Amino acid sequence: MIHAVKCLPDYFKALKDGSKTFEVRKKDRPYRVGDFLAVNEFIPESIDPYDDLMEMQPPDAQKADGGLYTGENLIFKITYILSDKEFCREGMVILGIAKCALALK
Protein backbone atom coordinates (compact mmCIF):
# COMPACT_ATOMS: atom_id res chain seq x y z
CA MET A 1 0.00 0.00 0.00
CA ILE A 2 1.12 3.57 -0.68
CA HIS A 3 0.32 6.26 1.90
CA ALA A 4 0.47 9.85 0.54
CA VAL A 5 1.44 12.24 3.36
CA LYS A 6 2.27 15.93 3.75
CA CYS A 7 5.60 17.10 5.16
CA LEU A 8 6.74 20.55 6.31
CA PRO A 9 9.79 21.95 4.44
CA ASP A 10 12.32 21.63 7.31
CA TYR A 11 11.47 17.97 7.85
CA PHE A 12 11.30 17.33 4.11
CA LYS A 13 14.82 18.73 3.69
CA ALA A 14 16.12 16.36 6.41
CA LEU A 15 14.39 13.41 4.73
CA LYS A 16 15.83 14.43 1.36
CA ASP A 17 19.43 14.73 2.61
CA GLY A 18 19.15 11.42 4.51
CA SER A 19 19.71 12.81 8.00
CA LYS A 20 16.14 11.87 9.04
CA THR A 21 15.32 8.18 8.68
CA PHE A 22 12.03 8.05 10.56
CA GLU A 23 8.59 9.65 10.55
CA VAL A 24 6.37 10.39 13.53
CA ARG A 25 2.76 10.12 12.37
CA LYS A 26 -0.79 9.92 13.64
CA LYS A 27 -1.94 6.33 13.74
CA ASP A 28 -4.85 7.18 11.42
CA ARG A 29 -3.92 4.74 8.66
CA PRO A 30 -3.23 1.02 8.52
CA TYR A 31 0.57 1.39 8.31
CA ARG A 32 2.39 -1.93 7.79
CA VAL A 33 6.05 -2.86 7.36
CA GLY A 34 6.63 -3.09 3.61
CA ASP A 35 4.17 -0.29 2.76
CA PHE A 36 5.38 2.88 1.06
CA LEU A 37 5.17 6.56 2.04
CA ALA A 38 4.80 9.12 -0.74
CA VAL A 39 6.02 12.20 1.14
CA ASN A 40 4.90 15.51 -0.39
CA GLU A 41 6.49 18.81 0.65
CA PHE A 42 3.74 21.11 1.93
CA ILE A 43 3.68 24.71 3.17
CA PRO A 44 0.56 25.45 5.25
CA GLU A 45 -1.16 28.84 4.90
CA SER A 46 -0.67 29.31 8.64
CA ILE A 47 3.04 30.01 8.07
CA ASP A 48 3.82 33.72 8.33
CA PRO A 49 3.18 35.21 4.84
CA TYR A 50 6.42 37.20 5.13
CA ASP A 51 8.39 34.01 5.70
CA ASP A 52 10.76 33.10 2.85
CA LEU A 53 8.93 29.76 2.44
CA MET A 54 5.78 31.44 1.14
CA GLU A 55 7.89 33.34 -1.39
CA MET A 56 9.06 30.14 -3.09
CA GLN A 57 6.58 29.25 -5.80
CA PRO A 58 8.11 26.45 -7.87
CA PRO A 59 6.57 25.79 -11.29
CA ASP A 60 4.92 22.59 -10.01
CA ALA A 61 3.39 24.29 -6.93
CA GLN A 62 -0.32 23.74 -6.32
CA LYS A 63 -2.57 25.33 -3.72
CA ALA A 64 -4.78 22.84 -1.89
CA ASP A 65 -5.66 21.56 1.58
CA GLY A 66 -5.08 24.96 3.21
CA GLY A 67 -1.60 25.48 1.87
CA LEU A 68 0.82 24.95 -0.98
CA TYR A 69 2.21 21.68 -2.33
CA THR A 70 5.65 22.55 -3.73
CA GLY A 71 5.70 19.64 -6.19
CA GLU A 72 8.68 18.05 -4.38
CA ASN A 73 8.17 14.47 -3.23
CA LEU A 74 10.08 11.43 -2.01
CA ILE A 75 9.21 7.75 -1.76
CA PHE A 76 10.14 5.65 1.28
CA LYS A 77 9.56 2.05 2.30
CA ILE A 78 8.39 1.44 5.87
CA THR A 79 10.98 -0.81 7.51
CA TYR A 80 9.88 -0.66 11.17
CA ILE A 81 6.89 0.50 13.21
CA LEU A 82 7.10 1.54 16.86
CA SER A 83 3.75 2.07 18.59
CA ASP A 84 4.64 1.05 22.17
CA LYS A 85 2.78 3.29 24.65
CA GLU A 86 5.96 3.58 26.71
CA PHE A 87 7.66 5.51 23.89
CA CYS A 88 4.81 6.96 21.77
CA ARG A 89 1.95 9.26 22.59
CA GLU A 90 -1.50 7.74 22.36
CA GLY A 91 -2.60 7.60 18.73
CA MET A 92 0.91 8.11 17.31
CA VAL A 93 3.50 5.84 15.66
CA ILE A 94 7.16 6.14 14.76
CA LEU A 95 7.96 4.70 11.34
CA GLY A 96 11.45 3.58 10.42
CA ILE A 97 11.84 4.34 6.71
CA ALA A 98 14.29 3.69 3.86
CA LYS A 99 14.51 5.99 0.84
CA CYS A 100 13.54 4.50 -2.51
CA ALA A 101 15.31 5.48 -5.71
CA LEU A 102 12.34 6.96 -7.56
CA ALA A 103 10.15 9.97 -6.86
CA LEU A 104 6.75 10.81 -8.33
CA LYS A 105 6.29 13.76 -10.67
PDB file of N, CA and C in Angstrom:
ATOM      1  N   MET A   1       0.840  -1.169   0.000  1.00  0.00           N
ATOM      2  CA  MET A   1       0.000   0.000   0.000  1.00  0.00           C
ATOM      3  C   MET A   1       0.891   1.239   0.000  1.00  0.00           C
ATOM      4  N   ILE A   2       0.416   2.290  -0.652  1.00  0.00           N
ATOM      5  CA  ILE A   2       1.122   3.569  -0.683  1.00  0.00           C
ATOM      6  C   ILE A   2       0.304   4.584   0.114  1.00  0.00           C
ATOM      7  N   HIS A   3       0.951   5.237   1.070  1.00  0.00           N
ATOM      8  CA  HIS A   3       0.317   6.260   1.896  1.00  0.00           C
ATOM      9  C   HIS A   3       0.880   7.614   1.476  1.00  0.00           C
ATOM     10  N   ALA A   4       0.043   8.498   0.919  1.00  0.00           N
ATOM     11  CA  ALA A   4       0.475   9.849   0.544  1.00  0.00           C
ATOM     12  C   ALA A   4       0.333  10.737   1.771  1.00  0.00           C
ATOM     13  N   VAL A   5       1.430  11.400   2.169  1.00  0.00           N
ATOM     14  CA  VAL A   5       1.437  12.238   3.361  1.00  0.00           C
ATOM     15  C   VAL A   5       2.084  13.584   3.064  1.00  0.00           C
ATOM     16  N   LYS A   6       1.690  14.593   3.844  1.00  0.00           N
ATOM     17  CA  LYS A   6       2.271  15.935   3.751  1.00  0.00           C
ATOM     18  C   LYS A   6       3.484  16.013   4.668  1.00  0.00           C
ATOM     19  N   CYS A   7       4.405  16.920   4.341  1.00  0.00           N
ATOM     20  CA  CYS A   7       5.600  17.103   5.165  1.00  0.00           C
ATOM     21  C   CYS A   7       6.035  18.566   5.093  1.00  0.00           C
ATOM     22  N   LEU A   8       6.262  19.176   6.258  1.00  0.00           N
ATOM     23  CA  LEU A   8       6.744  20.553   6.308  1.00  0.00           C
ATOM     24  C   LEU A   8       8.157  20.653   5.726  1.00  0.00           C
ATOM     25  N   PRO A   9       8.510  21.798   5.138  1.00  0.00           N
ATOM     26  CA  PRO A   9       9.792  21.953   4.443  1.00  0.00           C
ATOM     27  C   PRO A   9      11.038  21.581   5.248  1.00  0.00           C
ATOM     28  N   ASP A  10      11.123  21.973   6.522  1.00  0.00           N
ATOM     29  CA  ASP A  10      12.321  21.632   7.312  1.00  0.00           C
ATOM     30  C   ASP A  10      12.492  20.125   7.450  1.00  0.00           C
ATOM     31  N   TYR A  11      11.401  19.431   7.707  1.00  0.00           N
ATOM     32  CA  TYR A  11      11.468  17.967   7.854  1.00  0.00           C
ATOM     33  C   TYR A  11      11.710  17.299   6.502  1.00  0.00           C
ATOM     34  N   PHE A  12      11.099  17.871   5.449  1.00  0.00           N
ATOM     35  CA  PHE A  12      11.295  17.330   4.108  1.00  0.00           C
ATOM     36  C   PHE A  12      12.770  17.405   3.714  1.00  0.00           C
ATOM     37  N   LYS A  13      13.397  18.547   4.015  1.00  0.00           N
ATOM     38  CA  LYS A  13      14.817  18.727   3.693  1.00  0.00           C
ATOM     39  C   LYS A  13      15.659  17.661   4.388  1.00  0.00           C
ATOM     40  N   ALA A  14      15.361  17.378   5.661  1.00  0.00           N
ATOM     41  CA  ALA A  14      16.116  16.364   6.410  1.00  0.00           C
ATOM     42  C   ALA A  14      15.873  14.964   5.846  1.00  0.00           C
ATOM     43  N   LEU A  15      14.663  14.693   5.383  1.00  0.00           N
ATOM     44  CA  LEU A  15      14.394  13.409   4.729  1.00  0.00           C
ATOM     45  C   LEU A  15      15.178  13.319   3.419  1.00  0.00           C
ATOM     46  N   LYS A  16      15.167  14.406   2.674  1.00  0.00           N
ATOM     47  CA  LYS A  16      15.829  14.426   1.363  1.00  0.00           C
ATOM     48  C   LYS A  16      17.339  14.230   1.478  1.00  0.00           C
ATOM     49  N   ASP A  17      17.970  14.869   2.482  1.00  0.00           N
ATOM     50  CA  ASP A  17      19.425  14.730   2.609  1.00  0.00           C
ATOM     51  C   ASP A  17      19.842  13.468   3.374  1.00  0.00           C
ATOM     52  N   GLY A  18      18.856  12.708   3.856  1.00  0.00           N
ATOM     53  CA  GLY A  18      19.147  11.425   4.507  1.00  0.00           C
ATOM     54  C   GLY A  18      19.441  11.498   5.995  1.00  0.00           C
ATOM     55  N   SER A  19      19.411  12.698   6.574  1.00  0.00           N
ATOM     56  CA  SER A  19      19.706  12.809   8.004  1.00  0.00           C
ATOM     57  C   SER A  19      18.527  12.381   8.880  1.00  0.00           C
ATOM     58  N   LYS A  20      17.331  12.330   8.313  1.00  0.00           N
ATOM     59  CA  LYS A  20      16.137  11.872   9.039  1.00  0.00           C
ATOM     60  C   LYS A  20      15.678  10.571   8.411  1.00  0.00           C
ATOM     61  N   THR A  21      15.662   9.506   9.198  1.00  0.00           N
ATOM     62  CA  THR A  21      15.321   8.176   8.677  1.00  0.00           C
ATOM     63  C   THR A  21      14.094   7.590   9.366  1.00  0.00           C
ATOM     64  N   PHE A  22      13.244   8.480   9.865  1.00  0.00           N
ATOM     65  CA  PHE A  22      12.027   8.050  10.557  1.00  0.00           C
ATOM     66  C   PHE A  22      10.945   9.099  10.341  1.00  0.00           C
ATOM     67  N   GLU A  23       9.725   8.725  10.596  1.00  0.00           N
ATOM     68  CA  GLU A  23       8.595   9.647  10.554  1.00  0.00           C
ATOM     69  C   GLU A  23       7.739   9.406  11.786  1.00  0.00           C
ATOM     70  N   VAL A  24       7.324  10.465  12.434  1.00  0.00           N
ATOM     71  CA  VAL A  24       6.368  10.386  13.534  1.00  0.00           C
ATOM     72  C   VAL A  24       5.028  10.788  12.939  1.00  0.00           C
ATOM     73  N   ARG A  25       4.048   9.907  13.042  1.00  0.00           N
ATOM     74  CA  ARG A  25       2.760  10.117  12.375  1.00  0.00           C
ATOM     75  C   ARG A  25       1.604   9.747  13.282  1.00  0.00           C
ATOM     76  N   LYS A  26       0.441  10.346  12.985  1.00  0.00           N
ATOM     77  CA  LYS A  26      -0.787   9.918  13.642  1.00  0.00           C
ATOM     78  C   LYS A  26      -1.071   8.498  13.184  1.00  0.00           C
ATOM     79  N   LYS A  27      -1.591   7.709  14.085  1.00  0.00           N
ATOM     80  CA  LYS A  27      -1.939   6.326  13.739  1.00  0.00           C
ATOM     81  C   LYS A  27      -3.364   6.325  13.177  1.00  0.00           C
ATOM     82  N   ASP A  28      -3.532   7.036  12.051  1.00  0.00           N
ATOM     83  CA  ASP A  28      -4.846   7.176  11.425  1.00  0.00           C
ATOM     84  C   ASP A  28      -4.958   6.394  10.120  1.00  0.00           C
ATOM     85  N   ARG A  29      -3.951   5.570   9.869  1.00  0.00           N
ATOM     86  CA  ARG A  29      -3.917   4.737   8.662  1.00  0.00           C
ATOM     87  C   ARG A  29      -3.421   3.349   9.045  1.00  0.00           C
ATOM     88  N   PRO A  30      -3.694   2.380   8.208  1.00  0.00           N
ATOM     89  CA  PRO A  30      -3.229   1.017   8.517  1.00  0.00           C
ATOM     90  C   PRO A  30      -1.781   0.790   8.065  1.00  0.00           C
ATOM     91  N   TYR A  31      -0.840   1.535   8.672  1.00  0.00           N
ATOM     92  CA  TYR A  31       0.567   1.387   8.306  1.00  0.00           C
ATOM     93  C   TYR A  31       1.031  -0.045   8.577  1.00  0.00           C
ATOM     94  N   ARG A  32       1.814  -0.591   7.658  1.00  0.00           N
ATOM     95  CA  ARG A  32       2.389  -1.932   7.795  1.00  0.00           C
ATOM     96  C   ARG A  32       3.827  -1.897   7.289  1.00  0.00           C
ATOM     97  N   VAL A  33       4.695  -2.704   7.882  1.00  0.00           N
ATOM     98  CA  VAL A  33       6.052  -2.859   7.364  1.00  0.00           C
ATOM     99  C   VAL A  33       5.938  -3.366   5.928  1.00  0.00           C
ATOM    100  N   GLY A  34       6.689  -2.742   5.029  1.00  0.00           N
ATOM    101  CA  GLY A  34       6.628  -3.093   3.607  1.00  0.00           C
ATOM    102  C   GLY A  34       5.785  -2.123   2.793  1.00  0.00           C
ATOM    103  N   ASP A  35       4.935  -1.330   3.458  1.00  0.00           N
ATOM    104  CA  ASP A  35       4.170  -0.292   2.760  1.00  0.00           C
ATOM    105  C   ASP A  35       5.111   0.836   2.341  1.00  0.00           C
ATOM    106  N   PHE A  36       4.594   1.738   1.525  1.00  0.00           N
ATOM    107  CA  PHE A  36       5.375   2.876   1.060  1.00  0.00           C
ATOM    108  C   PHE A  36       4.747   4.187   1.517  1.00  0.00           C
ATOM    109  N   LEU A  37       5.608   5.191   1.747  1.00  0.00           N
ATOM    110  CA  LEU A  37       5.166   6.556   2.037  1.00  0.00           C
ATOM    111  C   LEU A  37       5.533   7.430   0.848  1.00  0.00           C
ATOM    112  N   ALA A  38       4.553   8.099   0.275  1.00  0.00           N
ATOM    113  CA  ALA A  38       4.798   9.121  -0.739  1.00  0.00           C
ATOM    114  C   ALA A  38       4.747  10.443   0.027  1.00  0.00           C
ATOM    115  N   VAL A  39       5.905  11.007   0.308  1.00  0.00           N
ATOM    116  CA  VAL A  39       6.022  12.204   1.143  1.00  0.00           C
ATOM    117  C   VAL A  39       6.051  13.439   0.245  1.00  0.00           C
ATOM    118  N   ASN A  40       5.056  14.314   0.437  1.00  0.00           N
ATOM    119  CA  ASN A  40       4.903  15.506  -0.391  1.00  0.00           C
ATOM    120  C   ASN A  40       5.215  16.753   0.436  1.00  0.00           C
ATOM    121  N   GLU A  41       6.157  17.574  -0.055  1.00  0.00           N
ATOM    122  CA  GLU A  41       6.492  18.805   0.654  1.00  0.00           C
ATOM    123  C   GLU A  41       5.294  19.749   0.610  1.00  0.00           C
ATOM    124  N   PHE A  42       4.949  20.308   1.780  1.00  0.00           N
ATOM    125  CA  PHE A  42       3.738  21.107   1.927  1.00  0.00           C
ATOM    126  C   PHE A  42       4.004  22.307   2.820  1.00  0.00           C
ATOM    127  N   ILE A  43       3.550  23.484   2.384  1.00  0.00           N
ATOM    128  CA  ILE A  43       3.685  24.712   3.173  1.00  0.00           C
ATOM    129  C   ILE A  43       2.275  25.160   3.566  1.00  0.00           C
ATOM    130  N   PRO A  44       1.903  25.046   4.841  1.00  0.00           N
ATOM    131  CA  PRO A  44       0.556  25.450   5.247  1.00  0.00           C
ATOM    132  C   PRO A  44       0.381  26.963   5.182  1.00  0.00           C
ATOM    133  N   GLU A  45      -0.860  27.410   4.946  1.00  0.00           N
ATOM    134  CA  GLU A  45      -1.160  28.838   4.897  1.00  0.00           C
ATOM    135  C   GLU A  45      -0.879  29.515   6.228  1.00  0.00           C
ATOM    136  N   SER A  46      -0.870  28.746   7.312  1.00  0.00           N
ATOM    137  CA  SER A  46      -0.667  29.307   8.645  1.00  0.00           C
ATOM    138  C   SER A  46       0.752  29.830   8.859  1.00  0.00           C
ATOM    139  N   ILE A  47       1.678  29.484   7.964  1.00  0.00           N
ATOM    140  CA  ILE A  47       3.039  30.009   8.068  1.00  0.00           C
ATOM    141  C   ILE A  47       3.002  31.504   7.762  1.00  0.00           C
ATOM    142  N   ASP A  48       3.749  32.279   8.503  1.00  0.00           N
ATOM    143  CA  ASP A  48       3.817  33.724   8.332  1.00  0.00           C
ATOM    144  C   ASP A  48       3.997  34.075   6.851  1.00  0.00           C
ATOM    145  N   PRO A  49       3.089  34.892   6.279  1.00  0.00           N
ATOM    146  CA  PRO A  49       3.175  35.208   4.845  1.00  0.00           C
ATOM    147  C   PRO A  49       4.451  35.948   4.455  1.00  0.00           C
ATOM    148  N   TYR A  50       5.162  36.511   5.438  1.00  0.00           N
ATOM    149  CA  TYR A  50       6.419  37.196   5.135  1.00  0.00           C
ATOM    150  C   TYR A  50       7.611  36.251   5.225  1.00  0.00           C
ATOM    151  N   ASP A  51       7.345  35.021   5.614  1.00  0.00           N
ATOM    152  CA  ASP A  51       8.393  34.012   5.698  1.00  0.00           C
ATOM    153  C   ASP A  51       8.886  33.697   4.285  1.00  0.00           C
ATOM    154  N   ASP A  52      10.170  33.422   4.155  1.00  0.00           N
ATOM    155  CA  ASP A  52      10.755  33.098   2.846  1.00  0.00           C
ATOM    156  C   ASP A  52      10.089  31.895   2.195  1.00  0.00           C
ATOM    157  N   LEU A  53       9.545  30.964   3.003  1.00  0.00           N
ATOM    158  CA  LEU A  53       8.925  29.764   2.438  1.00  0.00           C
ATOM    159  C   LEU A  53       7.746  30.108   1.540  1.00  0.00           C
ATOM    160  N   MET A  54       6.950  31.095   1.941  1.00  0.00           N
ATOM    161  CA  MET A  54       5.782  31.441   1.138  1.00  0.00           C
ATOM    162  C   MET A  54       6.186  32.155  -0.150  1.00  0.00           C
ATOM    163  N   GLU A  55       7.404  32.672  -0.187  1.00  0.00           N
ATOM    164  CA  GLU A  55       7.891  33.343  -1.394  1.00  0.00           C
ATOM    165  C   GLU A  55       8.263  32.343  -2.481  1.00  0.00           C
ATOM    166  N   MET A  56       8.650  31.106  -2.076  1.00  0.00           N
ATOM    167  CA  MET A  56       9.062  30.138  -3.087  1.00  0.00           C
ATOM    168  C   MET A  56       7.826  29.546  -3.743  1.00  0.00           C
ATOM    169  N   GLN A  57       7.707  29.752  -5.021  1.00  0.00           N
ATOM    170  CA  GLN A  57       6.579  29.253  -5.802  1.00  0.00           C
ATOM    171  C   GLN A  57       7.122  28.468  -6.988  1.00  0.00           C
ATOM    172  N   PRO A  58       7.578  27.229  -6.752  1.00  0.00           N
ATOM    173  CA  PRO A  58       8.112  26.452  -7.866  1.00  0.00           C
ATOM    174  C   PRO A  58       7.064  26.252  -8.960  1.00  0.00           C
ATOM    175  N   PRO A  59       7.500  25.959 -10.183  1.00  0.00           N
ATOM    176  CA  PRO A  59       6.569  25.791 -11.294  1.00  0.00           C
ATOM    177  C   PRO A  59       5.512  24.718 -11.048  1.00  0.00           C
ATOM    178  N   ASP A  60       5.860  23.686 -10.273  1.00  0.00           N
ATOM    179  CA  ASP A  60       4.918  22.588 -10.014  1.00  0.00           C
ATOM    180  C   ASP A  60       4.022  22.844  -8.807  1.00  0.00           C
ATOM    181  N   ALA A  61       4.137  24.011  -8.157  1.00  0.00           N
ATOM    182  CA  ALA A  61       3.390  24.295  -6.934  1.00  0.00           C
ATOM    183  C   ALA A  61       1.888  24.320  -7.202  1.00  0.00           C
ATOM    184  N   GLN A  62       1.134  23.757  -6.223  1.00  0.00           N
ATOM    185  CA  GLN A  62      -0.320  23.740  -6.317  1.00  0.00           C
ATOM    186  C   GLN A  62      -0.917  24.066  -4.961  1.00  0.00           C
ATOM    187  N   LYS A  63      -1.867  25.017  -4.950  1.00  0.00           N
ATOM    188  CA  LYS A  63      -2.567  25.335  -3.716  1.00  0.00           C
ATOM    189  C   LYS A  63      -3.679  24.320  -3.494  1.00  0.00           C
ATOM    190  N   ALA A  64      -3.746  23.795  -2.268  1.00  0.00           N
ATOM    191  CA  ALA A  64      -4.784  22.840  -1.892  1.00  0.00           C
ATOM    192  C   ALA A  64      -4.653  22.538  -0.404  1.00  0.00           C
ATOM    193  N   ASP A  65      -5.696  22.019   0.189  1.00  0.00           N
ATOM    194  CA  ASP A  65      -5.661  21.558   1.579  1.00  0.00           C
ATOM    195  C   ASP A  65      -5.170  22.625   2.552  1.00  0.00           C
ATOM    196  N   GLY A  66      -5.487  23.897   2.303  1.00  0.00           N
ATOM    197  CA  GLY A  66      -5.085  24.958   3.211  1.00  0.00           C
ATOM    198  C   GLY A  66      -3.612  25.302   3.159  1.00  0.00           C
ATOM    199  N   GLY A  67      -3.012  25.154   1.999  1.00  0.00           N
ATOM    200  CA  GLY A  67      -1.598  25.483   1.867  1.00  0.00           C
ATOM    201  C   GLY A  67      -1.114  25.295   0.454  1.00  0.00           C
ATOM    202  N   LEU A  68       0.180  25.048   0.329  1.00  0.00           N
ATOM    203  CA  LEU A  68       0.821  24.947  -0.978  1.00  0.00           C
ATOM    204  C   LEU A  68       1.660  23.678  -1.058  1.00  0.00           C
ATOM    205  N   TYR A  69       1.355  22.815  -2.019  1.00  0.00           N
ATOM    206  CA  TYR A  69       2.213  21.677  -2.326  1.00  0.00           C
ATOM    207  C   TYR A  69       3.290  22.195  -3.268  1.00  0.00           C
ATOM    208  N   THR A  70       4.555  22.001  -2.916  1.00  0.00           N
ATOM    209  CA  THR A  70       5.646  22.551  -3.734  1.00  0.00           C
ATOM    210  C   THR A  70       5.911  21.745  -4.999  1.00  0.00           C
ATOM    211  N   GLY A  71       5.411  20.519  -5.060  1.00  0.00           N
ATOM    212  CA  GLY A  71       5.703  19.637  -6.192  1.00  0.00           C
ATOM    213  C   GLY A  71       6.869  18.704  -5.905  1.00  0.00           C
ATOM    214  N   GLU A  72       7.569  18.931  -4.790  1.00  0.00           N
ATOM    215  CA  GLU A  72       8.678  18.052  -4.382  1.00  0.00           C
ATOM    216  C   GLU A  72       8.111  16.852  -3.630  1.00  0.00           C
ATOM    217  N   ASN A  73       8.631  15.667  -3.926  1.00  0.00           N
ATOM    218  CA  ASN A  73       8.174  14.469  -3.229  1.00  0.00           C
ATOM    219  C   ASN A  73       9.285  13.438  -3.161  1.00  0.00           C
ATOM    220  N   LEU A  74       9.137  12.536  -2.215  1.00  0.00           N
ATOM    221  CA  LEU A  74      10.084  11.432  -2.014  1.00  0.00           C
ATOM    222  C   LEU A  74       9.287  10.173  -1.708  1.00  0.00           C
ATOM    223  N   ILE A  75       9.854   9.034  -2.044  1.00  0.00           N
ATOM    224  CA  ILE A  75       9.214   7.749  -1.758  1.00  0.00           C
ATOM    225  C   ILE A  75      10.087   6.975  -0.772  1.00  0.00           C
ATOM    226  N   PHE A  76       9.457   6.441   0.268  1.00  0.00           N
ATOM    227  CA  PHE A  76      10.142   5.648   1.280  1.00  0.00           C
ATOM    228  C   PHE A  76       9.404   4.344   1.502  1.00  0.00           C
ATOM    229  N   LYS A  77      10.151   3.324   1.897  1.00  0.00           N
ATOM    230  CA  LYS A  77       9.563   2.054   2.296  1.00  0.00           C
ATOM    231  C   LYS A  77       9.571   2.006   3.822  1.00  0.00           C
ATOM    232  N   ILE A  78       8.456   1.583   4.418  1.00  0.00           N
ATOM    233  CA  ILE A  78       8.386   1.445   5.869  1.00  0.00           C
ATOM    234  C   ILE A  78       9.121   0.165   6.265  1.00  0.00           C
ATOM    235  N   THR A  79      10.148   0.329   7.103  1.00  0.00           N
ATOM    236  CA  THR A  79      10.977  -0.814   7.505  1.00  0.00           C
ATOM    237  C   THR A  79      10.732  -1.246   8.950  1.00  0.00           C
ATOM    238  N   TYR A  80      10.102  -0.356   9.754  1.00  0.00           N
ATOM    239  CA  TYR A  80       9.883  -0.664  11.169  1.00  0.00           C
ATOM    240  C   TYR A  80       8.764   0.228  11.684  1.00  0.00           C
ATOM    241  N   ILE A  81       7.960  -0.290  12.597  1.00  0.00           N
ATOM    242  CA  ILE A  81       6.891   0.505  13.209  1.00  0.00           C
ATOM    243  C   ILE A  81       6.986   0.365  14.721  1.00  0.00           C
ATOM    244  N   LEU A  82       7.094   1.509  15.406  1.00  0.00           N
ATOM    245  CA  LEU A  82       7.104   1.540  16.861  1.00  0.00           C
ATOM    246  C   LEU A  82       5.820   2.217  17.321  1.00  0.00           C
ATOM    247  N   SER A  83       5.003   1.497  18.079  1.00  0.00           N
ATOM    248  CA  SER A  83       3.754   2.069  18.590  1.00  0.00           C
ATOM    249  C   SER A  83       3.578   1.777  20.078  1.00  0.00           C
ATOM    250  N   ASP A  84       4.652   1.379  20.737  1.00  0.00           N
ATOM    251  CA  ASP A  84       4.641   1.052  22.166  1.00  0.00           C
ATOM    252  C   ASP A  84       4.258   2.290  22.981  1.00  0.00           C
ATOM    253  N   LYS A  85       3.266   2.159  23.853  1.00  0.00           N
ATOM    254  CA  LYS A  85       2.781   3.291  24.651  1.00  0.00           C
ATOM    255  C   LYS A  85       3.850   3.859  25.576  1.00  0.00           C
ATOM    256  N   GLU A  86       4.875   3.090  25.866  1.00  0.00           N
ATOM    257  CA  GLU A  86       5.957   3.577  26.709  1.00  0.00           C
ATOM    258  C   GLU A  86       6.780   4.660  25.991  1.00  0.00           C
ATOM    259  N   PHE A  87       6.814   4.595  24.665  1.00  0.00           N
ATOM    260  CA  PHE A  87       7.657   5.512  23.887  1.00  0.00           C
ATOM    261  C   PHE A  87       6.875   6.464  22.974  1.00  0.00           C
ATOM    262  N   CYS A  88       5.616   6.150  22.697  1.00  0.00           N
ATOM    263  CA  CYS A  88       4.808   6.957  21.768  1.00  0.00           C
ATOM    264  C   CYS A  88       3.563   7.495  22.462  1.00  0.00           C
ATOM    265  N   ARG A  89       3.210   8.708  22.114  1.00  0.00           N
ATOM    266  CA  ARG A  89       1.948   9.259  22.595  1.00  0.00           C
ATOM    267  C   ARG A  89       0.800   8.416  22.084  1.00  0.00           C
ATOM    268  N   GLU A  90      -0.292   8.438  22.789  1.00  0.00           N
ATOM    269  CA  GLU A  90      -1.503   7.742  22.363  1.00  0.00           C
ATOM    270  C   GLU A  90      -1.905   8.210  20.969  1.00  0.00           C
ATOM    271  N   GLY A  91      -2.163   7.272  20.070  1.00  0.00           N
ATOM    272  CA  GLY A  91      -2.598   7.600  18.725  1.00  0.00           C
ATOM    273  C   GLY A  91      -1.488   7.974  17.756  1.00  0.00           C
ATOM    274  N   MET A  92      -0.223   7.770  18.165  1.00  0.00           N
ATOM    275  CA  MET A  92       0.912   8.114  17.309  1.00  0.00           C
ATOM    276  C   MET A  92       1.774   6.876  17.057  1.00  0.00           C
ATOM    277  N   VAL A  93       2.544   6.899  15.964  1.00  0.00           N
ATOM    278  CA  VAL A  93       3.501   5.843  15.658  1.00  0.00           C
ATOM    279  C   VAL A  93       4.803   6.476  15.172  1.00  0.00           C
ATOM    280  N   ILE A  94       5.874   5.747  15.329  1.00  0.00           N
ATOM    281  CA  ILE A  94       7.162   6.143  14.763  1.00  0.00           C
ATOM    282  C   ILE A  94       7.485   5.114  13.691  1.00  0.00           C
ATOM    283  N   LEU A  95       7.693   5.583  12.478  1.00  0.00           N
ATOM    284  CA  LEU A  95       7.961   4.701  11.340  1.00  0.00           C
ATOM    285  C   LEU A  95       9.435   4.778  10.971  1.00  0.00           C
ATOM    286  N   GLY A  96      10.117   3.654  10.987  1.00  0.00           N
ATOM    287  CA  GLY A  96      11.452   3.576  10.424  1.00  0.00           C
ATOM    288  C   GLY A  96      11.279   3.480   8.916  1.00  0.00           C
ATOM    289  N   ILE A  97      12.034   4.290   8.161  1.00  0.00           N
ATOM    290  CA  ILE A  97      11.841   4.343   6.708  1.00  0.00           C
ATOM    291  C   ILE A  97      13.162   4.286   5.961  1.00  0.00           C
ATOM    292  N   ALA A  98      13.115   3.750   4.749  1.00  0.00           N
ATOM    293  CA  ALA A  98      14.295   3.695   3.859  1.00  0.00           C
ATOM    294  C   ALA A  98      13.913   4.355   2.539  1.00  0.00           C
ATOM    295  N   LYS A  99      14.760   5.247   2.067  1.00  0.00           N
ATOM    296  CA  LYS A  99      14.513   5.987   0.842  1.00  0.00           C
ATOM    297  C   LYS A  99      14.538   5.059  -0.372  1.00  0.00           C
ATOM    298  N   CYS A 100      13.576   5.243  -1.252  1.00  0.00           N
ATOM    299  CA  CYS A 100      13.542   4.504  -2.512  1.00  0.00           C
ATOM    300  C   CYS A 100      14.159   5.376  -3.602  1.00  0.00           C
ATOM    301  N   ALA A 101      14.596   4.772  -4.653  1.00  0.00           N
ATOM    302  CA  ALA A 101      15.307   5.485  -5.712  1.00  0.00           C
ATOM    303  C   ALA A 101      14.431   6.433  -6.517  1.00  0.00           C
ATOM    304  N   LEU A 102      13.158   6.128  -6.687  1.00  0.00           N
ATOM    305  CA  LEU A 102      12.343   6.958  -7.563  1.00  0.00           C
ATOM    306  C   LEU A 102      11.467   7.926  -6.789  1.00  0.00           C
ATOM    307  N   ALA A 103      11.081   9.010  -7.420  1.00  0.00           N
ATOM    308  CA  ALA A 103      10.151   9.973  -6.863  1.00  0.00           C
ATOM    309  C   ALA A 103       9.051  10.196  -7.895  1.00  0.00           C
ATOM    310  N   LEU A 104       7.879  10.582  -7.445  1.00  0.00           N
ATOM    311  CA  LEU A 104       6.747  10.812  -8.329  1.00  0.00           C
ATOM    312  C   LEU A 104       6.791  12.230  -8.868  1.00  0.00           C
ATOM    313  N   LYS A 105       6.403  12.411 -10.085  1.00  0.00           N
ATOM    314  CA  LYS A 105       6.286  13.762 -10.675  1.00  0.00           C
ATOM    315  C   LYS A 105       4.999  13.869 -11.424  1.00  0.00           C
TER     316      LYS A 105
END
